[in-house]
Amino acid sequence: MLKIKCPFCGVRDESEFSCGGEAHIARPTTDLKLTDKIFSEYLFMKYNPKGVFLERWCHTSGCRRWFNLARDTVSHEIIEIYPMGVFPKTVKGKKAYQANWRRKSKYEAVSKPAKRTKK
């Protein structure tokens, strides 16, 4: 069993948590016009690497708050725990983020807000 350090409650057994799946997925907004192919890629294509994986976790039997976790899927070593809405700070976490195939997917590109231009 994993021992997970909740950023709000401290170290607890894995049984107190629920894994929410892959972290940092750009979810399409309702105003986007996506083709069925692009939407099915978002919905059904899962990333299951051998190595460092970025996951969302919720402390369901405790504070019920969500956080992100970088974990090695081979050794189950927890590399980093960080807040929702923030990117990983460790070298391994950053590499896992960049290596994810979703960074180059069409729906992620169209889900990003437009860059502001200086006037």
C-alpha atoms as a PDB file:
ATOM      1  CA  MET A   1       0.000   0.000   0.000  1.00  0.00           C
ATOM      2  CA  LEU A   2       1.166   3.496  -0.825  1.00  0.00           C
ATOM      3  CA  LYS A   3       1.640   6.123   1.831  1.00  0.00           C
ATOM      4  CA  ILE A   4       0.507   9.426   0.351  1.00  0.00           C
ATOM      5  CA  LYS A   5       1.293  12.770   1.916  1.00  0.00           C
ATOM      6  CA  CYS A   6      -1.833  14.883   1.582  1.00  0.00           C
ATOM      7  CA  PRO A   7      -0.657  18.502   1.282  1.00  0.00           C
ATOM      8  CA  PHE A   8      -3.402  19.482   3.734  1.00  0.00           C
ATOM      9  CA  CYS A   9      -3.593  16.542   6.223  1.00  0.00           C
ATOM     10  CA  GLY A  10      -0.180  14.864   6.153  1.00  0.00           C
ATOM     11  CA  VAL A  11       0.776  11.230   5.501  1.00  0.00           C
ATOM     12  CA  ARG A  12      -2.131   8.794   5.113  1.00  0.00           C
ATOM     13  CA  ASP A  13      -2.769   5.304   3.671  1.00  0.00           C
ATOM     14  CA  GLU A  14      -3.663   5.001  -0.008  1.00  0.00           C
ATOM     15  CA  SER A  15      -7.102   3.629   0.954  1.00  0.00           C
ATOM     16  CA  GLU A  16      -8.122   7.150   2.078  1.00  0.00           C
ATOM     17  CA  PHE A  17      -7.604   8.531  -1.445  1.00  0.00           C
ATOM     18  CA  SER A  18      -9.205   8.221  -4.867  1.00  0.00           C
ATOM     19  CA  CYS A  19      -7.186   8.520  -8.040  1.00  0.00           C
ATOM     20  CA  GLY A  20      -8.809  10.893 -10.514  1.00  0.00           C
ATOM     21  CA  GLY A  21      -6.734   9.773 -13.474  1.00  0.00           C
ATOM     22  CA  GLU A  22      -4.315  11.685 -15.614  1.00  0.00           C
ATOM     23  CA  ALA A  23      -3.448  15.258 -14.640  1.00  0.00           C
ATOM     24  CA  HIS A  24      -3.045  18.244 -16.967  1.00  0.00           C
ATOM     25  CA  ILE A  25      -5.576  17.222 -19.603  1.00  0.00           C
ATOM     26  CA  ALA A  26      -6.889  20.221 -21.497  1.00  0.00           C
ATOM     27  CA  ARG A  27     -10.623  19.642 -21.488  1.00  0.00           C
ATOM     28  CA  PRO A  28     -12.521  21.016 -24.485  1.00  0.00           C
ATOM     29  CA  THR A  29     -14.863  23.905 -23.771  1.00  0.00           C
ATOM     30  CA  THR A  30     -18.436  23.904 -25.056  1.00  0.00           C
ATOM     31  CA  ASP A  31     -17.813  26.728 -27.513  1.00  0.00           C
ATOM     32  CA  LEU A  32     -15.198  24.736 -29.448  1.00  0.00           C
ATOM     33  CA  LYS A  33     -16.224  23.122 -32.694  1.00  0.00           C
ATOM     34  CA  LEU A  34     -14.462  19.755 -32.509  1.00  0.00           C
ATOM     35  CA  THR A  35     -14.761  17.002 -35.040  1.00  0.00           C
ATOM     36  CA  ASP A  36     -15.903  13.600 -33.823  1.00  0.00           C
ATOM     37  CA  LYS A  37     -12.390  12.274 -34.422  1.00  0.00           C
ATOM     38  CA  ILE A  38     -10.729  14.932 -32.261  1.00  0.00           C
ATOM     39  CA  PHE A  39     -13.324  14.591 -29.491  1.00  0.00           C
ATOM     40  CA  SER A  40     -13.018  10.783 -29.459  1.00  0.00           C
ATOM     41  CA  GLU A  41      -9.228  11.167 -29.167  1.00  0.00           C
ATOM     42  CA  TYR A  42      -9.755  13.313 -26.080  1.00  0.00           C
ATOM     43  CA  LEU A  43     -12.346  10.968 -24.609  1.00  0.00           C
ATOM     44  CA  PHE A  44     -10.914   7.508 -25.274  1.00  0.00           C
ATOM     45  CA  MET A  45      -7.141   7.747 -25.772  1.00  0.00           C
ATOM     46  CA  LYS A  46      -5.412   7.153 -22.451  1.00  0.00           C
ATOM     47  CA  TYR A  47      -1.761   7.625 -21.595  1.00  0.00           C
ATOM     48  CA  ASN A  48      -0.254   4.711 -19.689  1.00  0.00           C
ATOM     49  CA  PRO A  49       3.520   5.164 -19.577  1.00  0.00           C
ATOM     50  CA  LYS A  50       6.120   2.967 -17.974  1.00  0.00           C
ATOM     51  CA  GLY A  51       7.835   5.522 -15.775  1.00  0.00           C
ATOM     52  CA  VAL A  52       6.794   8.862 -14.331  1.00  0.00           C
ATOM     53  CA  PHE A  53       3.092   9.658 -14.669  1.00  0.00           C
ATOM     54  CA  LEU A  54       1.217  12.769 -13.517  1.00  0.00           C
ATOM     55  CA  GLU A  55      -2.040  11.973 -11.714  1.00  0.00           C
ATOM     56  CA  ARG A  56      -4.886  13.774  -9.944  1.00  0.00           C
ATOM     57  CA  TRP A  57      -5.775  12.508  -6.457  1.00  0.00           C
ATOM     58  CA  CYS A  58      -8.529  13.372  -3.985  1.00  0.00           C
ATOM     59  CA  HIS A  59      -8.347  12.777  -0.229  1.00  0.00           C
ATOM     60  CA  THR A  60     -11.861  11.305  -0.151  1.00  0.00           C
ATOM     61  CA  SER A  61     -11.738  10.023   3.454  1.00  0.00           C
ATOM     62  CA  GLY A  62     -10.140  13.186   4.780  1.00  0.00           C
ATOM     63  CA  CYS A  63     -10.239  16.796   3.684  1.00  0.00           C
ATOM     64  CA  ARG A  64     -11.788  15.944   0.280  1.00  0.00           C
ATOM     65  CA  ARG A  65      -9.384  18.247  -1.498  1.00  0.00           C
ATOM     66  CA  TRP A  66      -7.719  17.537  -4.846  1.00  0.00           C
ATOM     67  CA  PHE A  67      -3.999  17.676  -5.662  1.00  0.00           C
ATOM     68  CA  ASN A  68      -1.584  16.436  -8.319  1.00  0.00           C
ATOM     69  CA  LEU A  69       1.001  13.734  -7.820  1.00  0.00           C
ATOM     70  CA  ALA A  70       3.993  12.631  -9.946  1.00  0.00           C
ATOM     71  CA  ARG A  71       4.477   8.892  -9.478  1.00  0.00           C
ATOM     72  CA  ASP A  72       6.752   6.284 -11.043  1.00  0.00           C
ATOM     73  CA  THR A  73       4.458   3.537 -12.360  1.00  0.00           C
ATOM     74  CA  VAL A  74       7.203   0.899 -12.103  1.00  0.00           C
ATOM     75  CA  SER A  75       8.436   1.459  -8.535  1.00  0.00           C
ATOM     76  CA  HIS A  76       5.368   3.395  -7.252  1.00  0.00           C
ATOM     77  CA  GLU A  77       7.759   5.990  -5.860  1.00  0.00           C
ATOM     78  CA  ILE A  78       5.995   9.301  -5.302  1.00  0.00           C
ATOM     79  CA  ILE A  79       8.282  11.922  -6.786  1.00  0.00           C
ATOM     80  CA  GLU A  80       6.317  15.086  -6.178  1.00  0.00           C
ATOM     81  CA  ILE A  81       3.001  16.286  -4.782  1.00  0.00           C
ATOM     82  CA  TYR A  82       1.808  19.698  -5.941  1.00  0.00           C
ATOM     83  CA  PRO A  83      -1.414  21.781  -6.024  1.00  0.00           C
ATOM     84  CA  MET A  84      -4.066  21.680  -8.729  1.00  0.00           C
ATOM     85  CA  GLY A  85      -3.566  24.359 -11.372  1.00  0.00           C
ATOM     86  CA  VAL A  86       0.222  24.234 -11.010  1.00  0.00           C
ATOM     87  CA  PHE A  87       2.780  22.431 -13.149  1.00  0.00           C
ATOM     88  CA  PRO A  88       5.360  20.025 -11.694  1.00  0.00           C
ATOM     89  CA  LYS A  89       8.574  21.582 -10.403  1.00  0.00           C
ATOM     90  CA  THR A  90      10.937  18.579 -10.289  1.00  0.00           C
ATOM     91  CA  VAL A  91      13.034  17.636 -13.315  1.00  0.00           C
ATOM     92  CA  LYS A  92      11.309  14.240 -13.578  1.00  0.00           C
ATOM     93  CA  GLY A  93       7.878  15.831 -13.313  1.00  0.00           C
ATOM     94  CA  LYS A  94       8.655  18.432 -15.985  1.00  0.00           C
ATOM     95  CA  LYS A  95      10.001  15.732 -18.328  1.00  0.00           C
ATOM     96  CA  ALA A  96       6.867  13.619 -17.801  1.00  0.00           C
ATOM     97  CA  TYR A  97       4.686  16.624 -18.620  1.00  0.00           C
ATOM     98  CA  GLN A  98       6.583  17.404 -21.829  1.00  0.00           C
ATOM     99  CA  ALA A  99       6.796  13.739 -22.915  1.00  0.00           C
ATOM    100  CA  ASN A 100       3.027  13.246 -22.796  1.00  0.00           C
ATOM    101  CA  TRP A 101       1.537  12.789 -26.280  1.00  0.00           C
ATOM    102  CA  ARG A 102      -1.319  15.128 -25.353  1.00  0.00           C
ATOM    103  CA  ARG A 103       1.003  18.163 -25.552  1.00  0.00           C
ATOM    104  CA  LYS A 104       0.929  17.732 -29.351  1.00  0.00           C
ATOM    105  CA  SER A 105      -2.735  16.757 -29.728  1.00  0.00           C
ATOM    106  CA  LYS A 106      -5.172  18.849 -31.766  1.00  0.00           C
ATOM    107  CA  TYR A 107      -7.747  19.256 -29.020  1.00  0.00           C
ATOM    108  CA  GLU A 108      -5.158  20.552 -26.572  1.00  0.00           C
ATOM    109  CA  ALA A 109      -4.039  23.131 -29.119  1.00  0.00           C
ATOM    110  CA  VAL A 110      -7.600  24.378 -29.661  1.00  0.00           C
ATOM    111  CA  SER A 111      -8.391  24.321 -25.921  1.00  0.00           C
ATOM    112  CA  LYS A 112      -5.657  26.782 -25.007  1.00  0.00           C
ATOM    113  CA  PRO A 113      -6.740  30.404 -24.652  1.00  0.00           C
ATOM    114  CA  ALA A 114      -5.582  32.805 -27.328  1.00  0.00           C
ATOM    115  CA  LYS A 115      -2.384  34.667 -26.531  1.00  0.00           C
ATOM    116  CA  ARG A 116      -2.788  38.324 -25.799  1.00  0.00           C
ATOM    117  CA  THR A 117      -1.003  40.742 -28.040  1.00  0.00           C
ATOM    118  CA  LYS A 118       0.592  43.949 -26.787  1.00  0.00           C
ATOM    119  CA  LYS A 119      -0.924  47.178 -28.034  1.00  0.00           C
END
